Each structure stands twice: as structure tokens, then as C-alpha cells.
Amino acid sequence: MTKKIIIAFIAIIIIIVAIVQFTKPVTTSAPNSKLPEGSVPAGDPALLVGPTWVWEKTIMATSTPFTPNKVGVFTLTFTADGRASGTTDCNGVSGTYTVGSDGIITFGPLAMTKMFCEGSEEAVFADGISSVKSYMLGADGSLTLALDADKGSMIFKKK
């Protein structure tokens, strides 16, 4: 009987610890904090909304730039309510995104139509979008999406 009470007591303690651990508030650095010296602001996130952004190329950190064969067909469009949609050389894509003035951008689950197209380069586009970590708006009207782990950047222009 004592063994069962001890096991029950330990189980209750484990449950209490788990509840306390998982209900702690998450703390993050303030997005409006001062940028590190030498940094430039990412740009007003509201400027992402409205235009259609056309993928021009991906500059990989370890290789030569990748430019899609079909110019102007890979696109992204952002709406003010947090939706993103776009096109590839074969399919459509849609989902959600969140963005901050500190340059962080994340895409939620993205859905893509599943039409098969011989020679499509959409896998390169989709892989890039799925690994985006931040954005920067250029003075020339470009949008740069930086990829995770410093893999490189995707460059977009306004349509």
C-alpha cells in the first residue's frame, strides 16, 4: 500500500511541475528595441502589402545565383490581414504570414495546388519560402527574404 501512495505522490508532483513549466509566460526581446550598430531597418512592414512581388533570383551563400527560367511567373502577394498567396511556374500557393518591424517574417503553413508540370522549378521557390527568417525592403523597391542558417537570400521586385 505504501508503495502505491509513494508512486501516486510522485506522479502528482510530476504533473504539477509540468503544469507550472508549460504555463510560464514566454519572454522575447522587444521588437522595437534599438538595432545593433551598423544595422539598417528592415522597412515598414505595411509596404509589403499591396504590390505583387516577383521572384528574380536566389543568391545562395555557397554557390552562384539561381535565376528561374520563366521570368515573372513566381510571385508573392501579402494582404493586411496576414494572408500570403502566390504563383509558381505550375501551381498556386497560399497561406499565412506574420511580420514585425524588426525584420522578422515567418510563413505559416502554406498550401500548394498539386498539378504536375515537367521541368518545374517550383521546388526551389517553395524550399526558399519555407526557410525564410527575415525581410528587408531596399531603396530600389526590392524585397529581400533572408533564408535560415545564412543560406542566402531570395530577391523580389515589384510587378
N, C-alpha and C. Protein backbone atom coordinates (compact mmCIF):
# COMPACT_ATOMS: atom_id res chain seq x y z
N MET A 1 0.83 -1.18 0.00
CA MET A 1 0.00 0.00 0.00
C MET A 1 0.87 1.25 0.00
N THR A 2 1.92 1.29 0.79
CA THR A 2 2.80 2.44 0.88
C THR A 2 3.48 2.72 -0.45
N LYS A 3 3.83 1.65 -1.17
CA LYS A 3 4.47 1.81 -2.47
C LYS A 3 3.53 2.53 -3.45
N LYS A 4 2.25 2.18 -3.44
CA LYS A 4 1.26 2.81 -4.32
C LYS A 4 1.08 4.29 -3.97
N ILE A 5 1.11 4.62 -2.70
CA ILE A 5 0.97 6.01 -2.25
C ILE A 5 2.17 6.82 -2.70
N ILE A 6 3.35 6.26 -2.57
CA ILE A 6 4.57 6.97 -2.99
C ILE A 6 4.54 7.21 -4.50
N ILE A 7 4.16 6.21 -5.27
CA ILE A 7 4.08 6.34 -6.74
C ILE A 7 3.04 7.40 -7.11
N ALA A 8 1.89 7.39 -6.45
CA ALA A 8 0.85 8.39 -6.72
C ALA A 8 1.35 9.78 -6.37
N PHE A 9 2.04 9.91 -5.24
CA PHE A 9 2.59 11.20 -4.81
C PHE A 9 3.61 11.72 -5.83
N ILE A 10 4.49 10.87 -6.32
CA ILE A 10 5.49 11.26 -7.33
C ILE A 10 4.79 11.67 -8.62
N ALA A 11 3.77 10.94 -9.02
CA ALA A 11 3.03 11.27 -10.24
C ALA A 11 2.38 12.65 -10.12
N ILE A 12 1.81 12.94 -8.96
CA ILE A 12 1.19 14.25 -8.73
C ILE A 12 2.23 15.36 -8.81
N ILE A 13 3.38 15.14 -8.23
CA ILE A 13 4.45 16.15 -8.28
C ILE A 13 4.89 16.39 -9.72
N ILE A 14 5.03 15.32 -10.50
CA ILE A 14 5.44 15.46 -11.91
C ILE A 14 4.39 16.26 -12.68
N ILE A 15 3.14 15.99 -12.43
CA ILE A 15 2.06 16.73 -13.12
C ILE A 15 2.08 18.20 -12.73
N ILE A 16 2.26 18.49 -11.46
CA ILE A 16 2.31 19.89 -11.01
C ILE A 16 3.50 20.61 -11.63
N VAL A 17 4.66 19.97 -11.66
CA VAL A 17 5.84 20.58 -12.26
C VAL A 17 5.60 20.85 -13.74
N ALA A 18 4.99 19.89 -14.44
CA ALA A 18 4.72 20.06 -15.86
C ALA A 18 3.76 21.22 -16.11
N ILE A 19 2.72 21.32 -15.28
CA ILE A 19 1.76 22.42 -15.43
C ILE A 19 2.44 23.76 -15.21
N VAL A 20 3.23 23.86 -14.17
CA VAL A 20 3.94 25.11 -13.87
C VAL A 20 4.90 25.45 -15.01
N GLN A 21 5.62 24.45 -15.51
CA GLN A 21 6.61 24.67 -16.57
C GLN A 21 5.95 25.17 -17.85
N PHE A 22 4.83 24.56 -18.25
CA PHE A 22 4.20 24.90 -19.51
C PHE A 22 3.29 26.11 -19.44
N THR A 23 3.04 26.65 -18.27
CA THR A 23 2.20 27.84 -18.17
C THR A 23 3.01 29.09 -17.90
N LYS A 24 4.34 28.98 -17.89
CA LYS A 24 5.18 30.17 -17.71
C LYS A 24 5.04 31.06 -18.94
N PRO A 25 5.00 32.37 -18.75
CA PRO A 25 4.91 33.24 -19.92
C PRO A 25 6.20 33.17 -20.73
N VAL A 26 6.04 33.26 -22.04
CA VAL A 26 7.19 33.26 -22.93
C VAL A 26 7.71 34.69 -23.02
N THR A 27 9.00 34.85 -22.86
CA THR A 27 9.59 36.18 -22.98
C THR A 27 10.42 36.24 -24.24
N THR A 28 10.32 37.34 -24.93
CA THR A 28 11.11 37.56 -26.14
C THR A 28 11.71 38.93 -26.06
N SER A 29 12.69 39.17 -26.88
CA SER A 29 13.27 40.51 -26.90
C SER A 29 12.28 41.46 -27.54
N ALA A 30 12.30 42.67 -27.11
CA ALA A 30 11.36 43.67 -27.61
C ALA A 30 11.65 43.98 -29.07
N PRO A 31 10.65 43.85 -29.97
CA PRO A 31 10.89 44.11 -31.38
C PRO A 31 11.21 45.57 -31.67
N ASN A 32 10.85 46.47 -30.79
CA ASN A 32 11.12 47.88 -31.01
C ASN A 32 12.41 48.34 -30.35
N SER A 33 13.24 47.39 -29.96
CA SER A 33 14.48 47.76 -29.32
C SER A 33 15.43 48.36 -30.35
N LYS A 34 16.47 49.00 -29.86
CA LYS A 34 17.44 49.65 -30.72
C LYS A 34 18.18 48.60 -31.55
N LEU A 35 18.35 48.89 -32.84
CA LEU A 35 19.07 47.97 -33.72
C LEU A 35 20.56 48.00 -33.40
N PRO A 36 21.25 46.89 -33.62
CA PRO A 36 22.69 46.87 -33.39
C PRO A 36 23.39 47.89 -34.29
N GLU A 37 24.52 48.40 -33.82
CA GLU A 37 25.27 49.38 -34.59
C GLU A 37 25.62 48.82 -35.96
N GLY A 38 25.41 49.64 -36.99
CA GLY A 38 25.70 49.22 -38.35
C GLY A 38 24.52 48.56 -39.05
N SER A 39 23.44 48.26 -38.31
CA SER A 39 22.26 47.64 -38.91
C SER A 39 21.40 48.70 -39.59
N VAL A 40 20.62 48.24 -40.54
CA VAL A 40 19.65 49.12 -41.18
C VAL A 40 18.27 48.56 -40.91
N PRO A 41 17.26 49.44 -40.76
CA PRO A 41 15.91 48.93 -40.51
C PRO A 41 15.41 48.10 -41.69
N ALA A 42 14.58 47.13 -41.42
CA ALA A 42 14.06 46.24 -42.45
C ALA A 42 13.11 46.97 -43.39
N GLY A 43 12.47 48.00 -42.91
CA GLY A 43 11.47 48.71 -43.70
C GLY A 43 10.10 48.51 -43.09
N ASP A 44 9.23 49.43 -43.36
CA ASP A 44 7.87 49.39 -42.84
C ASP A 44 7.15 48.15 -43.35
N PRO A 45 6.70 47.25 -42.47
CA PRO A 45 6.04 46.03 -42.92
C PRO A 45 4.77 46.30 -43.73
N ALA A 46 4.16 47.45 -43.53
CA ALA A 46 2.97 47.79 -44.31
C ALA A 46 3.29 47.91 -45.80
N LEU A 47 4.55 48.18 -46.14
CA LEU A 47 4.94 48.30 -47.54
C LEU A 47 5.00 46.96 -48.26
N LEU A 48 4.96 45.87 -47.51
CA LEU A 48 4.88 44.55 -48.15
C LEU A 48 3.52 44.34 -48.79
N VAL A 49 2.50 44.94 -48.18
CA VAL A 49 1.11 44.73 -48.58
C VAL A 49 0.79 45.54 -49.83
N GLY A 50 0.09 44.89 -50.75
CA GLY A 50 -0.39 45.61 -51.94
C GLY A 50 0.23 45.14 -53.23
N PRO A 51 1.52 45.41 -53.41
CA PRO A 51 2.08 45.01 -54.71
C PRO A 51 2.26 43.50 -54.81
N THR A 52 2.34 43.03 -56.03
CA THR A 52 2.74 41.65 -56.28
C THR A 52 4.26 41.66 -56.39
N TRP A 53 4.89 40.79 -55.64
CA TRP A 53 6.35 40.69 -55.65
C TRP A 53 6.75 39.54 -56.56
N VAL A 54 7.64 39.80 -57.49
CA VAL A 54 8.09 38.81 -58.47
C VAL A 54 9.50 38.34 -58.10
N TRP A 55 9.64 37.03 -57.97
CA TRP A 55 10.94 36.44 -57.63
C TRP A 55 11.88 36.57 -58.82
N GLU A 56 13.00 37.23 -58.58
CA GLU A 56 14.01 37.41 -59.64
C GLU A 56 15.13 36.38 -59.56
N LYS A 57 15.60 36.12 -58.32
CA LYS A 57 16.71 35.18 -58.16
C LYS A 57 16.89 34.85 -56.69
N THR A 58 17.65 33.80 -56.47
CA THR A 58 18.10 33.44 -55.13
C THR A 58 19.62 33.46 -55.16
N ILE A 59 20.18 34.21 -54.24
CA ILE A 59 21.64 34.26 -54.12
C ILE A 59 22.00 33.37 -52.95
N MET A 60 22.58 32.22 -53.25
CA MET A 60 22.96 31.27 -52.21
C MET A 60 24.32 31.64 -51.65
N ALA A 61 24.51 31.43 -50.38
CA ALA A 61 25.76 31.80 -49.72
C ALA A 61 26.94 30.97 -50.22
N THR A 62 26.68 29.77 -50.72
CA THR A 62 27.76 28.88 -51.09
C THR A 62 27.87 28.60 -52.59
N SER A 63 27.04 29.25 -53.41
CA SER A 63 27.10 28.97 -54.85
C SER A 63 26.67 30.18 -55.65
N THR A 64 26.62 29.99 -56.94
CA THR A 64 26.21 31.06 -57.84
C THR A 64 24.71 31.31 -57.70
N PRO A 65 24.26 32.49 -58.10
CA PRO A 65 22.82 32.80 -58.01
C PRO A 65 21.98 31.85 -58.87
N PHE A 66 20.77 31.57 -58.37
CA PHE A 66 19.80 30.79 -59.14
C PHE A 66 18.76 31.74 -59.67
N THR A 67 18.57 31.75 -60.97
CA THR A 67 17.55 32.58 -61.62
C THR A 67 16.55 31.65 -62.29
N PRO A 68 15.25 31.83 -62.03
CA PRO A 68 14.27 30.94 -62.65
C PRO A 68 14.26 31.10 -64.17
N ASN A 69 14.00 30.00 -64.86
CA ASN A 69 13.94 30.02 -66.33
C ASN A 69 12.78 30.85 -66.84
N LYS A 70 11.63 30.76 -66.15
CA LYS A 70 10.44 31.51 -66.56
C LYS A 70 10.38 32.79 -65.73
N VAL A 71 10.74 33.90 -66.35
CA VAL A 71 10.78 35.19 -65.67
C VAL A 71 9.37 35.71 -65.43
N GLY A 72 9.12 36.21 -64.22
CA GLY A 72 7.86 36.89 -63.91
C GLY A 72 6.71 36.01 -63.48
N VAL A 73 6.89 34.68 -63.40
CA VAL A 73 5.76 33.82 -63.04
C VAL A 73 5.74 33.41 -61.58
N PHE A 74 6.87 33.52 -60.89
CA PHE A 74 6.93 33.19 -59.47
C PHE A 74 6.62 34.46 -58.69
N THR A 75 5.49 34.47 -57.99
CA THR A 75 5.06 35.70 -57.32
C THR A 75 4.65 35.45 -55.88
N LEU A 76 4.64 36.53 -55.11
CA LEU A 76 4.09 36.56 -53.75
C LEU A 76 3.29 37.85 -53.59
N THR A 77 2.16 37.75 -52.93
CA THR A 77 1.34 38.90 -52.61
C THR A 77 0.95 38.80 -51.14
N PHE A 78 1.08 39.90 -50.41
CA PHE A 78 0.76 39.94 -48.99
C PHE A 78 -0.48 40.81 -48.79
N THR A 79 -1.37 40.38 -47.88
CA THR A 79 -2.54 41.19 -47.54
C THR A 79 -2.39 41.69 -46.11
N ALA A 80 -3.12 42.73 -45.79
CA ALA A 80 -3.04 43.33 -44.46
C ALA A 80 -3.55 42.41 -43.36
N ASP A 81 -4.36 41.42 -43.71
CA ASP A 81 -4.90 40.50 -42.69
C ASP A 81 -4.03 39.27 -42.46
N GLY A 82 -2.77 39.31 -42.93
CA GLY A 82 -1.84 38.23 -42.65
C GLY A 82 -1.90 37.05 -43.60
N ARG A 83 -2.45 37.24 -44.77
CA ARG A 83 -2.51 36.17 -45.77
C ARG A 83 -1.44 36.42 -46.83
N ALA A 84 -0.87 35.35 -47.34
CA ALA A 84 0.09 35.42 -48.44
C ALA A 84 -0.39 34.46 -49.52
N SER A 85 -0.24 34.88 -50.76
CA SER A 85 -0.58 34.00 -51.86
C SER A 85 0.43 34.23 -52.97
N GLY A 86 0.46 33.31 -53.90
CA GLY A 86 1.41 33.48 -54.98
C GLY A 86 1.21 32.44 -56.06
N THR A 87 2.12 32.51 -57.03
CA THR A 87 2.10 31.57 -58.14
C THR A 87 3.51 31.05 -58.37
N THR A 88 3.57 29.87 -58.97
CA THR A 88 4.85 29.33 -59.41
C THR A 88 4.73 29.15 -60.93
N ASP A 89 5.67 28.46 -61.53
CA ASP A 89 5.57 28.19 -62.95
C ASP A 89 4.58 27.07 -63.24
N CYS A 90 3.91 26.57 -62.18
CA CYS A 90 2.99 25.46 -62.37
C CYS A 90 1.76 25.53 -61.48
N ASN A 91 1.91 25.96 -60.24
CA ASN A 91 0.83 25.89 -59.25
C ASN A 91 0.64 27.21 -58.52
N GLY A 92 -0.43 27.25 -57.74
CA GLY A 92 -0.69 28.38 -56.86
C GLY A 92 -0.32 28.01 -55.43
N VAL A 93 -0.04 29.02 -54.64
CA VAL A 93 0.34 28.81 -53.24
C VAL A 93 -0.39 29.83 -52.38
N SER A 94 -0.80 29.43 -51.17
CA SER A 94 -1.45 30.38 -50.26
C SER A 94 -1.22 29.92 -48.83
N GLY A 95 -1.33 30.88 -47.92
CA GLY A 95 -1.15 30.58 -46.51
C GLY A 95 -1.14 31.85 -45.70
N THR A 96 -0.48 31.81 -44.57
CA THR A 96 -0.44 32.96 -43.67
C THR A 96 1.00 33.40 -43.46
N TYR A 97 1.14 34.62 -42.96
CA TYR A 97 2.46 35.13 -42.59
C TYR A 97 2.31 36.06 -41.41
N THR A 98 3.40 36.22 -40.66
CA THR A 98 3.47 37.23 -39.62
C THR A 98 4.76 37.99 -39.84
N VAL A 99 4.72 39.27 -39.50
CA VAL A 99 5.87 40.13 -39.78
C VAL A 99 6.00 41.16 -38.68
N GLY A 100 7.22 41.58 -38.43
CA GLY A 100 7.48 42.61 -37.44
C GLY A 100 8.35 43.71 -38.01
N SER A 101 8.33 44.86 -37.40
CA SER A 101 9.14 45.98 -37.86
C SER A 101 10.63 45.71 -37.67
N ASP A 102 10.95 44.67 -36.90
CA ASP A 102 12.35 44.31 -36.67
C ASP A 102 12.91 43.45 -37.80
N GLY A 103 12.11 43.17 -38.83
CA GLY A 103 12.59 42.41 -39.98
C GLY A 103 12.28 40.93 -39.94
N ILE A 104 11.70 40.46 -38.86
CA ILE A 104 11.38 39.03 -38.78
C ILE A 104 10.10 38.78 -39.58
N ILE A 105 10.12 37.74 -40.39
CA ILE A 105 8.93 37.31 -41.12
C ILE A 105 8.88 35.80 -41.07
N THR A 106 7.71 35.28 -40.79
CA THR A 106 7.51 33.83 -40.79
C THR A 106 6.26 33.51 -41.59
N PHE A 107 6.34 32.43 -42.31
CA PHE A 107 5.19 31.95 -43.06
C PHE A 107 4.58 30.79 -42.31
N GLY A 108 3.24 30.81 -42.21
CA GLY A 108 2.53 29.71 -41.58
C GLY A 108 2.46 28.56 -42.56
N PRO A 109 1.63 27.60 -42.28
CA PRO A 109 1.51 26.50 -43.23
C PRO A 109 1.08 27.05 -44.59
N LEU A 110 1.80 26.67 -45.62
CA LEU A 110 1.47 27.10 -46.98
C LEU A 110 0.88 25.91 -47.74
N ALA A 111 -0.22 26.15 -48.42
CA ALA A 111 -0.85 25.11 -49.23
C ALA A 111 -0.52 25.39 -50.70
N MET A 112 -0.29 24.32 -51.45
CA MET A 112 0.03 24.48 -52.86
C MET A 112 -0.82 23.51 -53.66
N THR A 113 -1.33 23.98 -54.79
CA THR A 113 -2.03 23.05 -55.67
C THR A 113 -1.03 22.01 -56.15
N LYS A 114 -1.51 20.88 -56.61
CA LYS A 114 -0.64 19.73 -56.87
C LYS A 114 -0.57 19.31 -58.34
N MET A 115 -0.68 20.26 -59.26
CA MET A 115 -0.57 19.92 -60.66
C MET A 115 0.88 19.56 -60.98
N PHE A 116 1.09 18.56 -61.82
CA PHE A 116 2.45 18.18 -62.21
C PHE A 116 2.82 18.91 -63.49
N CYS A 117 3.99 19.50 -63.50
CA CYS A 117 4.49 20.19 -64.68
C CYS A 117 5.94 19.77 -64.89
N GLU A 118 6.21 19.21 -66.04
CA GLU A 118 7.57 18.77 -66.38
C GLU A 118 8.53 19.94 -66.34
N GLY A 119 9.65 19.78 -65.64
CA GLY A 119 10.69 20.81 -65.59
C GLY A 119 10.38 21.99 -64.69
N SER A 120 9.37 21.88 -63.86
CA SER A 120 9.01 22.99 -62.98
C SER A 120 10.13 23.28 -61.99
N GLU A 121 10.30 24.55 -61.68
CA GLU A 121 11.29 24.98 -60.69
C GLU A 121 10.64 25.40 -59.38
N GLU A 122 9.38 25.01 -59.20
CA GLU A 122 8.66 25.44 -58.00
C GLU A 122 9.23 24.86 -56.72
N ALA A 123 9.91 23.71 -56.77
CA ALA A 123 10.51 23.15 -55.55
C ALA A 123 11.58 24.09 -55.00
N VAL A 124 12.35 24.72 -55.87
CA VAL A 124 13.38 25.67 -55.44
C VAL A 124 12.70 26.87 -54.77
N PHE A 125 11.64 27.37 -55.38
CA PHE A 125 10.88 28.50 -54.85
C PHE A 125 10.26 28.14 -53.50
N ALA A 126 9.56 27.00 -53.43
CA ALA A 126 8.88 26.58 -52.20
C ALA A 126 9.88 26.31 -51.08
N ASP A 127 11.00 25.68 -51.40
CA ASP A 127 12.03 25.43 -50.38
C ASP A 127 12.56 26.74 -49.82
N GLY A 128 12.75 27.72 -50.69
CA GLY A 128 13.23 29.02 -50.23
C GLY A 128 12.22 29.69 -49.31
N ILE A 129 10.98 29.77 -49.75
CA ILE A 129 9.92 30.42 -48.95
C ILE A 129 9.78 29.73 -47.59
N SER A 130 9.88 28.41 -47.56
CA SER A 130 9.69 27.70 -46.30
C SER A 130 10.85 27.92 -45.32
N SER A 131 11.98 28.46 -45.80
CA SER A 131 13.10 28.67 -44.89
C SER A 131 13.44 30.15 -44.68
N VAL A 132 12.48 31.03 -44.98
CA VAL A 132 12.69 32.47 -44.80
C VAL A 132 12.70 32.81 -43.31
N LYS A 133 13.62 33.70 -42.90
CA LYS A 133 13.67 34.12 -41.50
C LYS A 133 13.48 35.62 -41.33
N SER A 134 13.82 36.42 -42.35
CA SER A 134 13.68 37.87 -42.21
C SER A 134 13.52 38.51 -43.58
N TYR A 135 13.12 39.78 -43.56
CA TYR A 135 12.94 40.53 -44.80
C TYR A 135 13.65 41.87 -44.69
N MET A 136 13.89 42.45 -45.87
CA MET A 136 14.42 43.81 -45.93
C MET A 136 13.91 44.45 -47.22
N LEU A 137 13.38 45.65 -47.10
CA LEU A 137 12.94 46.40 -48.26
C LEU A 137 14.06 47.32 -48.69
N GLY A 138 14.42 47.24 -49.97
CA GLY A 138 15.51 48.05 -50.48
C GLY A 138 15.05 49.41 -50.98
N ALA A 139 15.94 50.35 -51.03
CA ALA A 139 15.64 51.69 -51.54
C ALA A 139 15.25 51.63 -53.02
N ASP A 140 15.69 50.58 -53.71
CA ASP A 140 15.38 50.42 -55.13
C ASP A 140 14.03 49.76 -55.37
N GLY A 141 13.26 49.53 -54.31
CA GLY A 141 11.95 48.90 -54.44
C GLY A 141 11.99 47.39 -54.42
N SER A 142 13.11 46.83 -54.03
CA SER A 142 13.23 45.37 -53.97
C SER A 142 12.83 44.85 -52.60
N LEU A 143 12.53 43.57 -52.56
CA LEU A 143 12.25 42.85 -51.32
C LEU A 143 13.26 41.71 -51.23
N THR A 144 14.01 41.66 -50.15
CA THR A 144 14.97 40.58 -49.92
C THR A 144 14.47 39.74 -48.76
N LEU A 145 14.33 38.44 -49.01
CA LEU A 145 13.96 37.50 -47.97
C LEU A 145 15.19 36.67 -47.63
N ALA A 146 15.71 36.85 -46.42
CA ALA A 146 16.89 36.11 -45.97
C ALA A 146 16.48 34.72 -45.53
N LEU A 147 17.27 33.73 -45.90
CA LEU A 147 16.98 32.34 -45.59
C LEU A 147 17.65 31.91 -44.29
N ASP A 148 17.08 30.90 -43.65
CA ASP A 148 17.63 30.35 -42.40
C ASP A 148 19.08 29.95 -42.55
N ALA A 149 19.78 29.97 -41.44
CA ALA A 149 21.15 29.49 -41.34
C ALA A 149 22.08 30.16 -42.34
N ASP A 150 21.78 31.42 -42.67
CA ASP A 150 22.61 32.19 -43.59
C ASP A 150 22.86 31.45 -44.90
N LYS A 151 21.82 30.75 -45.39
CA LYS A 151 21.94 30.01 -46.66
C LYS A 151 22.00 30.95 -47.85
N GLY A 152 21.41 32.12 -47.73
CA GLY A 152 21.37 33.06 -48.84
C GLY A 152 20.15 33.93 -48.76
N SER A 153 19.75 34.50 -49.91
CA SER A 153 18.62 35.41 -49.94
C SER A 153 17.83 35.25 -51.24
N MET A 154 16.52 35.42 -51.11
CA MET A 154 15.65 35.47 -52.29
C MET A 154 15.37 36.94 -52.58
N ILE A 155 15.52 37.33 -53.84
CA ILE A 155 15.34 38.72 -54.25
C ILE A 155 14.07 38.82 -55.08
N PHE A 156 13.19 39.78 -54.69
CA PHE A 156 11.94 40.05 -55.39
C PHE A 156 11.90 41.50 -55.83
N LYS A 157 11.18 41.75 -56.92
CA LYS A 157 10.92 43.12 -57.40
C LYS A 157 9.40 43.29 -57.48
N LYS A 158 8.95 44.54 -57.37
CA LYS A 158 7.52 44.83 -57.52
C LYS A 158 7.13 44.62 -58.98
N LYS A 159 5.93 44.03 -59.15
CA LYS A 159 5.41 43.79 -60.51
C LYS A 159 4.83 45.07 -61.05
